């Protein structure tokens, strides 16, 4: 299923700092930690915790967030369905990258082992 241009535009304009607290709440409710969330974010984007905090304070959009990121070479191994879309079929790179992050947060909240989340061989 392909995303619509309207959907892609909404994702691009989302402010990362407005979504981050939802990520944190989701993982903490399931017994995971802020540190684990940051480990997942750093694995995907290359951003350490202070950089993530700065990006939140700067109110960057997902478009700006992923433009600054250096995606992990194994990010393409993130597969599955999130928000009703099969990640590997999303054609718009930015929307796919945002769904990568959603999927990793989801896996963390579901109790998946960190080495599996981080796609370690």
PDB file of N, CA and C in Angstrom:
ATOM      1  N   UNK A   1       0.843  -1.176   0.000  1.00  0.00           N
ATOM      2  CA  UNK A   1       0.000   0.000   0.000  1.00  0.00           C
ATOM      3  C   UNK A   1       0.888   1.239   0.000  1.00  0.00           C
ATOM      4  N   UNK A   2       0.656   2.120  -0.936  1.00  0.00           N
ATOM      5  CA  UNK A   2       1.448   3.332  -1.048  1.00  0.00           C
ATOM      6  C   UNK A   2       0.804   4.458  -0.242  1.00  0.00           C
ATOM      7  N   UNK A   3       1.618   5.352   0.258  1.00  0.00           N
ATOM      8  CA  UNK A   3       1.093   6.483   1.017  1.00  0.00           C
ATOM      9  C   UNK A   3       0.633   7.572   0.054  1.00  0.00           C
ATOM     10  N   UNK A   4      -0.266   8.419   0.510  1.00  0.00           N
ATOM     11  CA  UNK A   4      -0.744   9.522  -0.328  1.00  0.00           C
ATOM     12  C   UNK A   4       0.177  10.725  -0.158  1.00  0.00           C
ATOM     13  N   UNK A   5       0.193  11.620  -1.121  1.00  0.00           N
ATOM     14  CA  UNK A   5       1.007  12.841  -0.968  1.00  0.00           C
ATOM     15  C   UNK A   5       0.607  13.637   0.288  1.00  0.00           C
ATOM     16  N   UNK A   6      -0.686  13.625   0.616  1.00  0.00           N
ATOM     17  CA  UNK A   6      -1.159  14.339   1.809  1.00  0.00           C
ATOM     18  C   UNK A   6      -0.573  13.708   3.083  1.00  0.00           C
ATOM     19  N   UNK A   7      -0.570  12.369   3.106  1.00  0.00           N
ATOM     20  CA  UNK A   7      -0.010  11.649   4.249  1.00  0.00           C
ATOM     21  C   UNK A   7       1.479  11.979   4.386  1.00  0.00           C
ATOM     22  N   UNK A   8       2.198  11.935   3.275  1.00  0.00           N
ATOM     23  CA  UNK A   8       3.633  12.221   3.291  1.00  0.00           C
ATOM     24  C   UNK A   8       3.896  13.648   3.774  1.00  0.00           C
ATOM     25  N   UNK A   9       3.063  14.595   3.351  1.00  0.00           N
ATOM     26  CA  UNK A   9       3.229  15.996   3.762  1.00  0.00           C
ATOM     27  C   UNK A   9       2.983  16.147   5.267  1.00  0.00           C
ATOM     28  N   UNK A  10       1.986  15.436   5.789  1.00  0.00           N
ATOM     29  CA  UNK A  10       1.703  15.482   7.235  1.00  0.00           C
ATOM     30  C   UNK A  10       2.891  14.952   8.031  1.00  0.00           C
ATOM     31  N   UNK A  11       3.466  13.846   7.568  1.00  0.00           N
ATOM     32  CA  UNK A  11       4.622  13.259   8.257  1.00  0.00           C
ATOM     33  C   UNK A  11       5.794  14.246   8.230  1.00  0.00           C
ATOM     34  N   UNK A  12       6.046  14.860   7.094  1.00  0.00           N
ATOM     35  CA  UNK A  12       7.166  15.795   6.945  1.00  0.00           C
ATOM     36  C   UNK A  12       7.040  16.985   7.890  1.00  0.00           C
ATOM     37  N   UNK A  13       5.807  17.445   8.117  1.00  0.00           N
ATOM     38  CA  UNK A  13       5.583  18.648   8.927  1.00  0.00           C
ATOM     39  C   UNK A  13       5.473  18.374  10.425  1.00  0.00           C
ATOM     40  N   UNK A  14       5.352  17.097  10.803  1.00  0.00           N
ATOM     41  CA  UNK A  14       5.269  16.765  12.230  1.00  0.00           C
ATOM     42  C   UNK A  14       6.528  17.234  12.946  1.00  0.00           C
ATOM     43  N   UNK A  15       6.350  17.840  14.101  1.00  0.00           N
ATOM     44  CA  UNK A  15       7.489  18.282  14.892  1.00  0.00           C
ATOM     45  C   UNK A  15       7.962  17.095  15.741  1.00  0.00           C
ATOM     46  N   UNK A  16       9.233  16.744  15.601  1.00  0.00           N
ATOM     47  CA  UNK A  16       9.776  15.592  16.321  1.00  0.00           C
ATOM     48  C   UNK A  16       9.519  15.708  17.827  1.00  0.00           C
ATOM     49  N   UNK A  17       9.715  16.903  18.371  1.00  0.00           N
ATOM     50  CA  UNK A  17       9.533  17.112  19.809  1.00  0.00           C
ATOM     51  C   UNK A  17       8.111  16.911  20.287  1.00  0.00           C
ATOM     52  N   UNK A  18       7.151  16.972  19.372  1.00  0.00           N
ATOM     53  CA  UNK A  18       5.757  16.739  19.770  1.00  0.00           C
ATOM     54  C   UNK A  18       5.436  15.241  19.792  1.00  0.00           C
ATOM     55  N   UNK A  19       6.215  14.441  19.078  1.00  0.00           N
ATOM     56  CA  UNK A  19       5.998  12.998  19.020  1.00  0.00           C
ATOM     57  C   UNK A  19       6.856  12.273  20.059  1.00  0.00           C
ATOM     58  N   UNK A  20       8.025  12.808  20.338  1.00  0.00           N
ATOM     59  CA  UNK A  20       8.969  12.174  21.267  1.00  0.00           C
ATOM     60  C   UNK A  20       8.345  11.804  22.615  1.00  0.00           C
ATOM     61  N   UNK A  21       7.571  12.699  23.273  1.00  0.00           N
ATOM     62  CA  UNK A  21       6.979  12.310  24.567  1.00  0.00           C
ATOM     63  C   UNK A  21       6.062  11.084  24.453  1.00  0.00           C
ATOM     64  N   UNK A  22       5.415  10.920  23.306  1.00  0.00           N
ATOM     65  CA  UNK A  22       4.555   9.751  23.094  1.00  0.00           C
ATOM     66  C   UNK A  22       5.393   8.477  22.987  1.00  0.00           C
ATOM     67  N   UNK A  23       6.536   8.584  22.308  1.00  0.00           N
ATOM     68  CA  UNK A  23       7.462   7.446  22.240  1.00  0.00           C
ATOM     69  C   UNK A  23       7.885   7.051  23.652  1.00  0.00           C
ATOM     70  N   UNK A  24       8.296   8.054  24.433  1.00  0.00           N
ATOM     71  CA  UNK A  24       8.801   7.806  25.781  1.00  0.00           C
ATOM     72  C   UNK A  24       7.715   7.179  26.661  1.00  0.00           C
ATOM     73  N   UNK A  25       6.524   7.732  26.622  1.00  0.00           N
ATOM     74  CA  UNK A  25       5.417   7.191  27.413  1.00  0.00           C
ATOM     75  C   UNK A  25       5.130   5.753  27.025  1.00  0.00           C
ATOM     76  N   UNK A  26       5.133   5.483  25.726  1.00  0.00           N
ATOM     77  CA  UNK A  26       4.827   4.136  25.231  1.00  0.00           C
ATOM     78  C   UNK A  26       5.814   3.110  25.773  1.00  0.00           C
ATOM     79  N   UNK A  27       7.105   3.430  25.694  1.00  0.00           N
ATOM     80  CA  UNK A  27       8.098   2.447  26.137  1.00  0.00           C
ATOM     81  C   UNK A  27       8.143   2.325  27.656  1.00  0.00           C
ATOM     82  N   UNK A  28       7.985   3.441  28.367  1.00  0.00           N
ATOM     83  CA  UNK A  28       8.037   3.387  29.831  1.00  0.00           C
ATOM     84  C   UNK A  28       6.828   2.648  30.409  1.00  0.00           C
ATOM     85  N   UNK A  29       5.666   2.786  29.781  1.00  0.00           N
ATOM     86  CA  UNK A  29       4.478   2.063  30.239  1.00  0.00           C
ATOM     87  C   UNK A  29       4.690   0.551  30.169  1.00  0.00           C
ATOM     88  N   UNK A  30       5.552   0.123  29.261  1.00  0.00           N
ATOM     89  CA  UNK A  30       5.816  -1.308  29.082  1.00  0.00           C
ATOM     90  C   UNK A  30       7.087  -1.760  29.800  1.00  0.00           C
ATOM     91  N   UNK A  31       7.609  -0.895  30.685  1.00  0.00           N
ATOM     92  CA  UNK A  31       8.756  -1.302  31.496  1.00  0.00           C
ATOM     93  C   UNK A  31      10.111  -1.080  30.858  1.00  0.00           C
ATOM     94  N   UNK A  32      10.159  -0.386  29.741  1.00  0.00           N
ATOM     95  CA  UNK A  32      11.455  -0.076  29.123  1.00  0.00           C
ATOM     96  C   UNK A  32      11.889   1.314  29.587  1.00  0.00           C
ATOM     97  N   UNK A  33      13.132   1.695  29.297  1.00  0.00           N
ATOM     98  CA  UNK A  33      13.679   2.940  29.834  1.00  0.00           C
ATOM     99  C   UNK A  33      13.927   3.992  28.763  1.00  0.00           C
ATOM    100  N   UNK A  34      14.088   5.213  29.248  1.00  0.00           N
ATOM    101  CA  UNK A  34      14.448   6.332  28.374  1.00  0.00           C
ATOM    102  C   UNK A  34      15.800   6.045  27.707  1.00  0.00           C
ATOM    103  N   UNK A  35      16.699   5.434  28.453  1.00  0.00           N
ATOM    104  CA  UNK A  35      18.024   5.108  27.910  1.00  0.00           C
ATOM    105  C   UNK A  35      17.903   4.126  26.742  1.00  0.00           C
ATOM    106  N   UNK A  36      17.016   3.150  26.883  1.00  0.00           N
ATOM    107  CA  UNK A  36      16.807   2.195  25.788  1.00  0.00           C
ATOM    108  C   UNK A  36      16.197   2.889  24.571  1.00  0.00           C
ATOM    109  N   UNK A  37      15.266   3.812  24.812  1.00  0.00           N
ATOM    110  CA  UNK A  37      14.692   4.578  23.702  1.00  0.00           C
ATOM    111  C   UNK A  37      15.785   5.348  22.979  1.00  0.00           C
ATOM    112  N   UNK A  38      16.667   5.975  23.743  1.00  0.00           N
ATOM    113  CA  UNK A  38      17.749   6.735  23.121  1.00  0.00           C
ATOM    114  C   UNK A  38      18.746   5.840  22.394  1.00  0.00           C
ATOM    115  N   UNK A  39      18.935   4.643  22.905  1.00  0.00           N
ATOM    116  CA  UNK A  39      19.819   3.693  22.214  1.00  0.00           C
ATOM    117  C   UNK A  39      19.245   3.359  20.835  1.00  0.00           C
ATOM    118  N   UNK A  40      17.933   3.174  20.773  1.00  0.00           N
ATOM    119  CA  UNK A  40      17.262   2.853  19.514  1.00  0.00           C
ATOM    120  C   UNK A  40      17.338   4.045  18.556  1.00  0.00           C
ATOM    121  N   UNK A  41      17.074   5.252  19.073  1.00  0.00           N
ATOM    122  CA  UNK A  41      17.135   6.463  18.233  1.00  0.00           C
ATOM    123  C   UNK A  41      18.550   6.663  17.710  1.00  0.00           C
ATOM    124  N   UNK A  42      19.544   6.471  18.584  1.00  0.00           N
ATOM    125  CA  UNK A  42      20.930   6.662  18.152  1.00  0.00           C
ATOM    126  C   UNK A  42      21.331   5.620  17.107  1.00  0.00           C
ATOM    127  N   UNK A  43      20.887   4.382  17.284  1.00  0.00           N
ATOM    128  CA  UNK A  43      21.211   3.342  16.297  1.00  0.00           C
ATOM    129  C   UNK A  43      20.653   3.728  14.922  1.00  0.00           C
ATOM    130  N   UNK A  44      19.414   4.194  14.881  1.00  0.00           N
ATOM    131  CA  UNK A  44      18.794   4.518  13.595  1.00  0.00           C
ATOM    132  C   UNK A  44      19.354   5.790  12.972  1.00  0.00           C
ATOM    133  N   UNK A  45      19.553   6.843  13.794  1.00  0.00           N
ATOM    134  CA  UNK A  45      19.844   8.169  13.241  1.00  0.00           C
ATOM    135  C   UNK A  45      21.276   8.652  13.431  1.00  0.00           C
ATOM    136  N   UNK A  46      21.975   8.065  14.405  1.00  0.00           N
ATOM    137  CA  UNK A  46      23.308   8.559  14.736  1.00  0.00           C
ATOM    138  C   UNK A  46      23.277   9.684  15.763  1.00  0.00           C
ATOM    139  N   UNK A  47      22.085  10.108  16.209  1.00  0.00           N
ATOM    140  CA  UNK A  47      21.963  11.200  17.180  1.00  0.00           C
ATOM    141  C   UNK A  47      22.098  10.687  18.608  1.00  0.00           C
ATOM    142  N   UNK A  48      23.071  11.234  19.348  1.00  0.00           N
ATOM    143  CA  UNK A  48      23.174  10.876  20.766  1.00  0.00           C
ATOM    144  C   UNK A  48      22.116  11.656  21.560  1.00  0.00           C
ATOM    145  N   UNK A  49      22.020  11.363  22.852  1.00  0.00           N
ATOM    146  CA  UNK A  49      20.965  11.952  23.676  1.00  0.00           C
ATOM    147  C   UNK A  49      21.024  13.480  23.716  1.00  0.00           C
ATOM    148  N   UNK A  50      22.203  14.104  23.887  1.00  0.00           N
ATOM    149  CA  UNK A  50      22.232  15.575  23.880  1.00  0.00           C
ATOM    150  C   UNK A  50      21.774  16.163  22.536  1.00  0.00           C
ATOM    151  N   UNK A  51      22.121  15.504  21.443  1.00  0.00           N
ATOM    152  CA  UNK A  51      21.696  15.987  20.127  1.00  0.00           C
ATOM    153  C   UNK A  51      20.188  15.875  19.980  1.00  0.00           C
ATOM    154  N   UNK A  52      19.619  14.773  20.433  1.00  0.00           N
ATOM    155  CA  UNK A  52      18.160  14.605  20.390  1.00  0.00           C
ATOM    156  C   UNK A  52      17.501  15.726  21.180  1.00  0.00           C
ATOM    157  N   UNK A  53      18.038  16.029  22.368  1.00  0.00           N
ATOM    158  CA  UNK A  53      17.472  17.099  23.202  1.00  0.00           C
ATOM    159  C   UNK A  53      17.541  18.440  22.478  1.00  0.00           C
ATOM    160  N   UNK A  54      18.657  18.723  21.822  1.00  0.00           N
ATOM    161  CA  UNK A  54      18.806  19.967  21.070  1.00  0.00           C
ATOM    162  C   UNK A  54      17.787  20.042  19.936  1.00  0.00           C
ATOM    163  N   UNK A  55      17.606  18.938  19.214  1.00  0.00           N
ATOM    164  CA  UNK A  55      16.639  18.914  18.114  1.00  0.00           C
ATOM    165  C   UNK A  55      15.211  19.129  18.624  1.00  0.00           C
ATOM    166  N   UNK A  56      14.914  18.589  19.799  1.00  0.00           N
ATOM    167  CA  UNK A  56      13.595  18.809  20.410  1.00  0.00           C
ATOM    168  C   UNK A  56      13.424  20.295  20.732  1.00  0.00           C
ATOM    169  N   UNK A  57      14.447  20.882  21.340  1.00  0.00           N
ATOM    170  CA  UNK A  57      14.384  22.306  21.708  1.00  0.00           C
ATOM    171  C   UNK A  57      14.277  23.205  20.481  1.00  0.00           C
ATOM    172  N   UNK A  58      14.886  22.796  19.368  1.00  0.00           N
ATOM    173  CA  UNK A  58      14.823  23.574  18.126  1.00  0.00           C
ATOM    174  C   UNK A  58      13.514  23.374  17.369  1.00  0.00           C
ATOM    175  N   UNK A  59      12.671  22.469  17.885  1.00  0.00           N
ATOM    176  CA  UNK A  59      11.370  22.180  17.277  1.00  0.00           C
ATOM    177  C   UNK A  59      11.484  21.785  15.800  1.00  0.00           C
ATOM    178  N   UNK A  60      12.454  20.914  15.511  1.00  0.00           N
ATOM    179  CA  UNK A  60      12.648  20.468  14.132  1.00  0.00           C
ATOM    180  C   UNK A  60      11.501  19.547  13.711  1.00  0.00           C
ATOM    181  N   UNK A  61      11.189  19.612  12.415  1.00  0.00           N
ATOM    182  CA  UNK A  61      10.177  18.721  11.860  1.00  0.00           C
ATOM    183  C   UNK A  61      10.837  17.381  11.550  1.00  0.00           C
ATOM    184  N   UNK A  62      10.011  16.374  11.250  1.00  0.00           N
ATOM    185  CA  UNK A  62      10.581  15.081  10.847  1.00  0.00           C
ATOM    186  C   UNK A  62      11.420  15.253   9.586  1.00  0.00           C
ATOM    187  N   UNK A  63      11.007  16.150   8.707  1.00  0.00           N
ATOM    188  CA  UNK A  63      11.782  16.382   7.489  1.00  0.00           C
ATOM    189  C   UNK A  63      13.186  16.869   7.844  1.00  0.00           C
ATOM    190  N   UNK A  64      13.283  17.839   8.755  1.00  0.00           N
ATOM    191  CA  UNK A  64      14.585  18.355   9.177  1.00  0.00           C
ATOM    192  C   UNK A  64      15.360  17.305   9.988  1.00  0.00           C
ATOM    193  N   UNK A  65      14.649  16.595  10.844  1.00  0.00           N
ATOM    194  CA  UNK A  65      15.254  15.571  11.697  1.00  0.00           C
ATOM    195  C   UNK A  65      15.972  14.521  10.850  1.00  0.00           C
ATOM    196  N   UNK A  66      15.259  13.965   9.862  1.00  0.00           N
ATOM    197  CA  UNK A  66      15.866  12.909   9.055  1.00  0.00           C
ATOM    198  C   UNK A  66      16.855  13.451   8.025  1.00  0.00           C
ATOM    199  N   UNK A  67      16.734  14.737   7.656  1.00  0.00           N
ATOM    200  CA  UNK A  67      17.721  15.341   6.752  1.00  0.00           C
ATOM    201  C   UNK A  67      19.081  15.432   7.446  1.00  0.00           C
ATOM    202  N   UNK A  68      19.066  15.639   8.764  1.00  0.00           N
ATOM    203  CA  UNK A  68      20.311  15.746   9.536  1.00  0.00           C
ATOM    204  C   UNK A  68      20.862  14.376   9.951  1.00  0.00           C
ATOM    205  N   UNK A  69      20.021  13.364   9.908  1.00  0.00           N
ATOM    206  CA  UNK A  69      20.393  12.030  10.392  1.00  0.00           C
ATOM    207  C   UNK A  69      21.294  11.291   9.420  1.00  0.00           C
ATOM    208  N   UNK A  70      22.084  10.380   9.973  1.00  0.00           N
ATOM    209  CA  UNK A  70      22.845   9.433   9.173  1.00  0.00           C
ATOM    210  C   UNK A  70      22.249   8.071   9.495  1.00  0.00           C
ATOM    211  N   UNK A  71      21.393   7.590   8.594  1.00  0.00           N
ATOM    212  CA  UNK A  71      20.692   6.330   8.862  1.00  0.00           C
ATOM    213  C   UNK A  71      21.665   5.166   8.945  1.00  0.00           C
ATOM    214  N   UNK A  72      21.389   4.260   9.859  1.00  0.00           N
ATOM    215  CA  UNK A  72      22.202   3.064  10.029  1.00  0.00           C
ATOM    216  C   UNK A  72      22.143   2.242   8.736  1.00  0.00           C
ATOM    217  N   UNK A  73      23.272   1.668   8.319  1.00  0.00           N
ATOM    218  CA  UNK A  73      23.287   0.877   7.086  1.00  0.00           C
ATOM    219  C   UNK A  73      22.315  -0.307   7.098  1.00  0.00           C
ATOM    220  N   UNK A  74      21.936  -0.800   8.285  1.00  0.00           N
ATOM    221  CA  UNK A  74      20.997  -1.921   8.359  1.00  0.00           C
ATOM    222  C   UNK A  74      19.540  -1.485   8.524  1.00  0.00           C
ATOM    223  N   UNK A  75      19.274  -0.192   8.393  1.00  0.00           N
ATOM    224  CA  UNK A  75      17.896   0.301   8.555  1.00  0.00           C
ATOM    225  C   UNK A  75      16.942  -0.379   7.571  1.00  0.00           C
ATOM    226  N   UNK A  76      17.454  -0.736   6.408  1.00  0.00           N
ATOM    227  CA  UNK A  76      16.593  -1.385   5.399  1.00  0.00           C
ATOM    228  C   UNK A  76      16.075  -2.752   5.864  1.00  0.00           C
ATOM    229  N   UNK A  77      16.679  -3.284   6.928  1.00  0.00           N
ATOM    230  CA  UNK A  77      16.229  -4.578   7.464  1.00  0.00           C
ATOM    231  C   UNK A  77      14.970  -4.451   8.330  1.00  0.00           C
ATOM    232  N   UNK A  78      14.566  -3.207   8.605  1.00  0.00           N
ATOM    233  CA  UNK A  78      13.351  -2.983   9.401  1.00  0.00           C
ATOM    234  C   UNK A  78      12.160  -3.213   8.472  1.00  0.00           C
ATOM    235  N   UNK A  79      11.389  -4.226   8.805  1.00  0.00           N
ATOM    236  CA  UNK A  79      10.255  -4.604   7.960  1.00  0.00           C
ATOM    237  C   UNK A  79       9.027  -4.813   8.827  1.00  0.00           C
ATOM    238  N   UNK A  80       7.880  -4.891   8.174  1.00  0.00           N
ATOM    239  CA  UNK A  80       6.650  -5.147   8.908  1.00  0.00           C
ATOM    240  C   UNK A  80       5.624  -4.064   8.666  1.00  0.00           C
ATOM    241  N   UNK A  81       4.531  -4.152   9.407  1.00  0.00           N
ATOM    242  CA  UNK A  81       3.431  -3.215   9.238  1.00  0.00           C
ATOM    243  C   UNK A  81       3.390  -2.287  10.439  1.00  0.00           C
ATOM    244  N   UNK A  82       3.293  -1.003  10.150  1.00  0.00           N
ATOM    245  CA  UNK A  82       3.136  -0.007  11.204  1.00  0.00           C
ATOM    246  C   UNK A  82       2.191   1.066  10.686  1.00  0.00           C
ATOM    247  N   UNK A  83       1.252   1.463  11.511  1.00  0.00           N
ATOM    248  CA  UNK A  83       0.253   2.478  11.132  1.00  0.00           C
ATOM    249  C   UNK A  83      -0.505   2.080   9.862  1.00  0.00           C
ATOM    250  N   UNK A  84      -0.673   0.786   9.657  1.00  0.00           N
ATOM    251  CA  UNK A  84      -1.427   0.307   8.503  1.00  0.00           C
ATOM    252  C   UNK A  84      -0.647   0.222   7.204  1.00  0.00           C
ATOM    253  N   UNK A  85       0.629   0.520   7.246  1.00  0.00           N
ATOM    254  CA  UNK A  85       1.458   0.487   6.040  1.00  0.00           C
ATOM    255  C   UNK A  85       2.565  -0.541   6.198  1.00  0.00           C
ATOM    256  N   UNK A  86       2.832  -1.295   5.135  1.00  0.00           N
ATOM    257  CA  UNK A  86       3.970  -2.203   5.129  1.00  0.00           C
ATOM    258  C   UNK A  86       5.193  -1.342   4.830  1.00  0.00           C
ATOM    259  N   UNK A  87       6.122  -1.291   5.782  1.00  0.00           N
ATOM    260  CA  UNK A  87       7.270  -0.381   5.703  1.00  0.00           C
ATOM    261  C   UNK A  87       8.051  -0.531   4.408  1.00  0.00           C
ATOM    262  N   UNK A  88       8.314  -1.761   4.026  1.00  0.00           N
ATOM    263  CA  UNK A  88       9.159  -1.969   2.838  1.00  0.00           C
ATOM    264  C   UNK A  88       8.472  -1.551   1.532  1.00  0.00           C
ATOM    265  N   UNK A  89       7.174  -1.260   1.583  1.00  0.00           N
ATOM    266  CA  UNK A  89       6.446  -0.829   0.376  1.00  0.00           C
ATOM    267  C   UNK A  89       6.230   0.678   0.329  1.00  0.00           C
ATOM    268  N   UNK A  90       6.639   1.395   1.365  1.00  0.00           N
ATOM    269  CA  UNK A  90       6.479   2.858   1.374  1.00  0.00           C
ATOM    270  C   UNK A  90       7.511   3.450   0.435  1.00  0.00           C
ATOM    271  N   UNK A  91       7.033   4.181  -0.562  1.00  0.00           N
ATOM    272  CA  UNK A  91       7.918   4.700  -1.600  1.00  0.00           C
ATOM    273  C   UNK A  91       8.614   6.008  -1.213  1.00  0.00           C
ATOM    274  N   UNK A  92       7.968   6.841  -0.415  1.00  0.00           N
ATOM    275  CA  UNK A  92       8.547   8.129  -0.033  1.00  0.00           C
ATOM    276  C   UNK A  92       9.593   7.908   1.064  1.00  0.00           C
ATOM    277  N   UNK A  93      10.862   8.238   0.772  1.00  0.00           N
ATOM    278  CA  UNK A  93      11.934   7.956   1.743  1.00  0.00           C
ATOM    279  C   UNK A  93      11.678   8.538   3.137  1.00  0.00           C
ATOM    280  N   UNK A  94      11.232   9.781   3.229  1.00  0.00           N
ATOM    281  CA  UNK A  94      11.015  10.392   4.534  1.00  0.00           C
ATOM    282  C   UNK A  94       9.940   9.650   5.328  1.00  0.00           C
ATOM    283  N   UNK A  95       8.849   9.317   4.690  1.00  0.00           N
ATOM    284  CA  UNK A  95       7.775   8.595   5.378  1.00  0.00           C
ATOM    285  C   UNK A  95       8.271   7.221   5.822  1.00  0.00           C
ATOM    286  N   UNK A  96       9.042   6.554   4.974  1.00  0.00           N
ATOM    287  CA  UNK A  96       9.607   5.247   5.321  1.00  0.00           C
ATOM    288  C   UNK A  96      10.533   5.383   6.542  1.00  0.00           C
ATOM    289  N   UNK A  97      11.365   6.427   6.559  1.00  0.00           N
ATOM    290  CA  UNK A  97      12.282   6.634   7.683  1.00  0.00           C
ATOM    291  C   UNK A  97      11.525   6.895   8.983  1.00  0.00           C
ATOM    292  N   UNK A  98      10.468   7.694   8.915  1.00  0.00           N
ATOM    293  CA  UNK A  98       9.654   7.963  10.103  1.00  0.00           C
ATOM    294  C   UNK A  98       9.014   6.668  10.603  1.00  0.00           C
ATOM    295  N   UNK A  99       8.566   5.828   9.680  1.00  0.00           N
ATOM    296  CA  UNK A  99       7.957   4.547  10.069  1.00  0.00           C
ATOM    297  C   UNK A  99       8.995   3.573  10.607  1.00  0.00           C
ATOM    298  N   UNK A 100      10.260   3.686  10.141  1.00  0.00           N
ATOM    299  CA  UNK A 100      11.339   2.889  10.740  1.00  0.00           C
ATOM    300  C   UNK A 100      11.395   3.191  12.239  1.00  0.00           C
ATOM    301  N   UNK A 101      11.400   4.485  12.568  1.00  0.00           N
ATOM    302  CA  UNK A 101      11.491   4.884  13.971  1.00  0.00           C
ATOM    303  C   UNK A 101      10.265   4.399  14.747  1.00  0.00           C
ATOM    304  N   UNK A 102       9.092   4.569  14.158  1.00  0.00           N
ATOM    305  CA  UNK A 102       7.862   4.078  14.812  1.00  0.00           C
ATOM    306  C   UNK A 102       7.958   2.584  15.096  1.00  0.00           C
ATOM    307  N   UNK A 103       8.450   1.827  14.135  1.00  0.00           N
ATOM    308  CA  UNK A 103       8.538   0.374  14.269  1.00  0.00           C
ATOM    309  C   UNK A 103       9.527  -0.016  15.369  1.00  0.00           C
ATOM    310  N   UNK A 104      10.667   0.669  15.428  1.00  0.00           N
ATOM    311  CA  UNK A 104      11.655   0.365  16.461  1.00  0.00           C
ATOM    312  C   UNK A 104      11.096   0.655  17.855  1.00  0.00           C
ATOM    313  N   UNK A 105      10.392   1.776  17.986  1.00  0.00           N
ATOM    314  CA  UNK A 105       9.778   2.125  19.270  1.00  0.00           C
ATOM    315  C   UNK A 105       8.730   1.074  19.640  1.00  0.00           C
ATOM    316  N   UNK A 106       7.956   0.646  18.657  1.00  0.00           N
ATOM    317  CA  UNK A 106       6.939  -0.376  18.870  1.00  0.00           C
ATOM    318  C   UNK A 106       7.578  -1.688  19.348  1.00  0.00           C
ATOM    319  N   UNK A 107       8.656  -2.091  18.700  1.00  0.00           N
ATOM    320  CA  UNK A 107       9.345  -3.327  19.082  1.00  0.00           C
ATOM    321  C   UNK A 107       9.915  -3.219  20.494  1.00  0.00           C
ATOM    322  N   UNK A 108      10.448  -2.061  20.824  1.00  0.00           N
ATOM    323  CA  UNK A 108      10.979  -1.832  22.170  1.00  0.00           C
ATOM    324  C   UNK A 108       9.860  -1.963  23.198  1.00  0.00           C
ATOM    325  N   UNK A 109       8.726  -1.340  22.926  1.00  0.00           N
ATOM    326  CA  UNK A 109       7.574  -1.387  23.845  1.00  0.00           C
ATOM    327  C   UNK A 109       7.018  -2.798  23.981  1.00  0.00           C
ATOM    328  N   UNK A 110       7.142  -3.601  22.933  1.00  0.00           N
ATOM    329  CA  UNK A 110       6.609  -4.964  22.984  1.00  0.00           C
ATOM    330  C   UNK A 110       7.556  -5.947  23.660  1.00  0.00           C
ATOM    331  N   UNK A 111       8.712  -5.426  24.129  1.00  0.00           N
ATOM    332  CA  UNK A 111       9.615  -6.274  24.892  1.00  0.00           C
ATOM    333  C   UNK A 111      10.605  -7.065  24.059  1.00  0.00           C
ATOM    334  N   UNK A 112      10.742  -6.720  22.796  1.00  0.00           N
ATOM    335  CA  UNK A 112      11.706  -7.424  21.953  1.00  0.00           C
ATOM    336  C   UNK A 112      13.118  -7.184  22.478  1.00  0.00           C
ATOM    337  N   UNK A 113      13.978  -8.169  22.330  1.00  0.00           N
ATOM    338  CA  UNK A 113      15.358  -8.041  22.795  1.00  0.00           C
ATOM    339  C   UNK A 113      16.087  -6.978  21.974  1.00  0.00           C
ATOM    340  N   UNK A 114      16.956  -6.231  22.661  1.00  0.00           N
ATOM    341  CA  UNK A 114      17.654  -5.106  22.030  1.00  0.00           C
ATOM    342  C   UNK A 114      18.480  -5.534  20.820  1.00  0.00           C
ATOM    343  N   UNK A 115      19.151  -6.706  20.867  1.00  0.00           N
ATOM    344  CA  UNK A 115      19.953  -7.115  19.715  1.00  0.00           C
ATOM    345  C   UNK A 115      19.073  -7.381  18.496  1.00  0.00           C
ATOM    346  N   UNK A 116      17.851  -7.803  18.716  1.00  0.00           N
ATOM    347  CA  UNK A 116      16.904  -8.032  17.597  1.00  0.00           C
ATOM    348  C   UNK A 116      16.416  -6.693  17.054  1.00  0.00           C
ATOM    349  N   UNK A 117      16.114  -5.752  17.957  1.00  0.00           N
ATOM    350  CA  UNK A 117      15.655  -4.425  17.545  1.00  0.00           C
ATOM    351  C   UNK A 117      16.725  -3.740  16.718  1.00  0.00           C
ATOM    352  N   UNK A 118      17.981  -3.858  17.152  1.00  0.00           N
ATOM    353  CA  UNK A 118      19.080  -3.178  16.478  1.00  0.00           C
ATOM    354  C   UNK A 118      19.642  -3.969  15.296  1.00  0.00           C
ATOM    355  N   UNK A 119      18.911  -5.007  14.922  1.00  0.00           N
ATOM    356  CA  UNK A 119      19.270  -5.800  13.733  1.00  0.00           C
ATOM    357  C   UNK A 119      20.722  -6.228  13.750  1.00  0.00           C
ATOM    358  N   UNK A 120      21.148  -6.763  14.908  1.00  0.00           N
ATOM    359  CA  UNK A 120      22.529  -7.249  15.022  1.00  0.00           C
ATOM    360  C   UNK A 120      22.582  -8.693  14.536  1.00  0.00           C
ATOM    361  N   UNK A 121      23.577  -8.988  13.709  1.00  0.00           N
ATOM    362  CA  UNK A 121      23.656 -10.365  13.185  1.00  0.00           C
ATOM    363  C   UNK A 121      23.970 -11.395  14.256  1.00  0.00           C
TER     364      UNK A 121
END
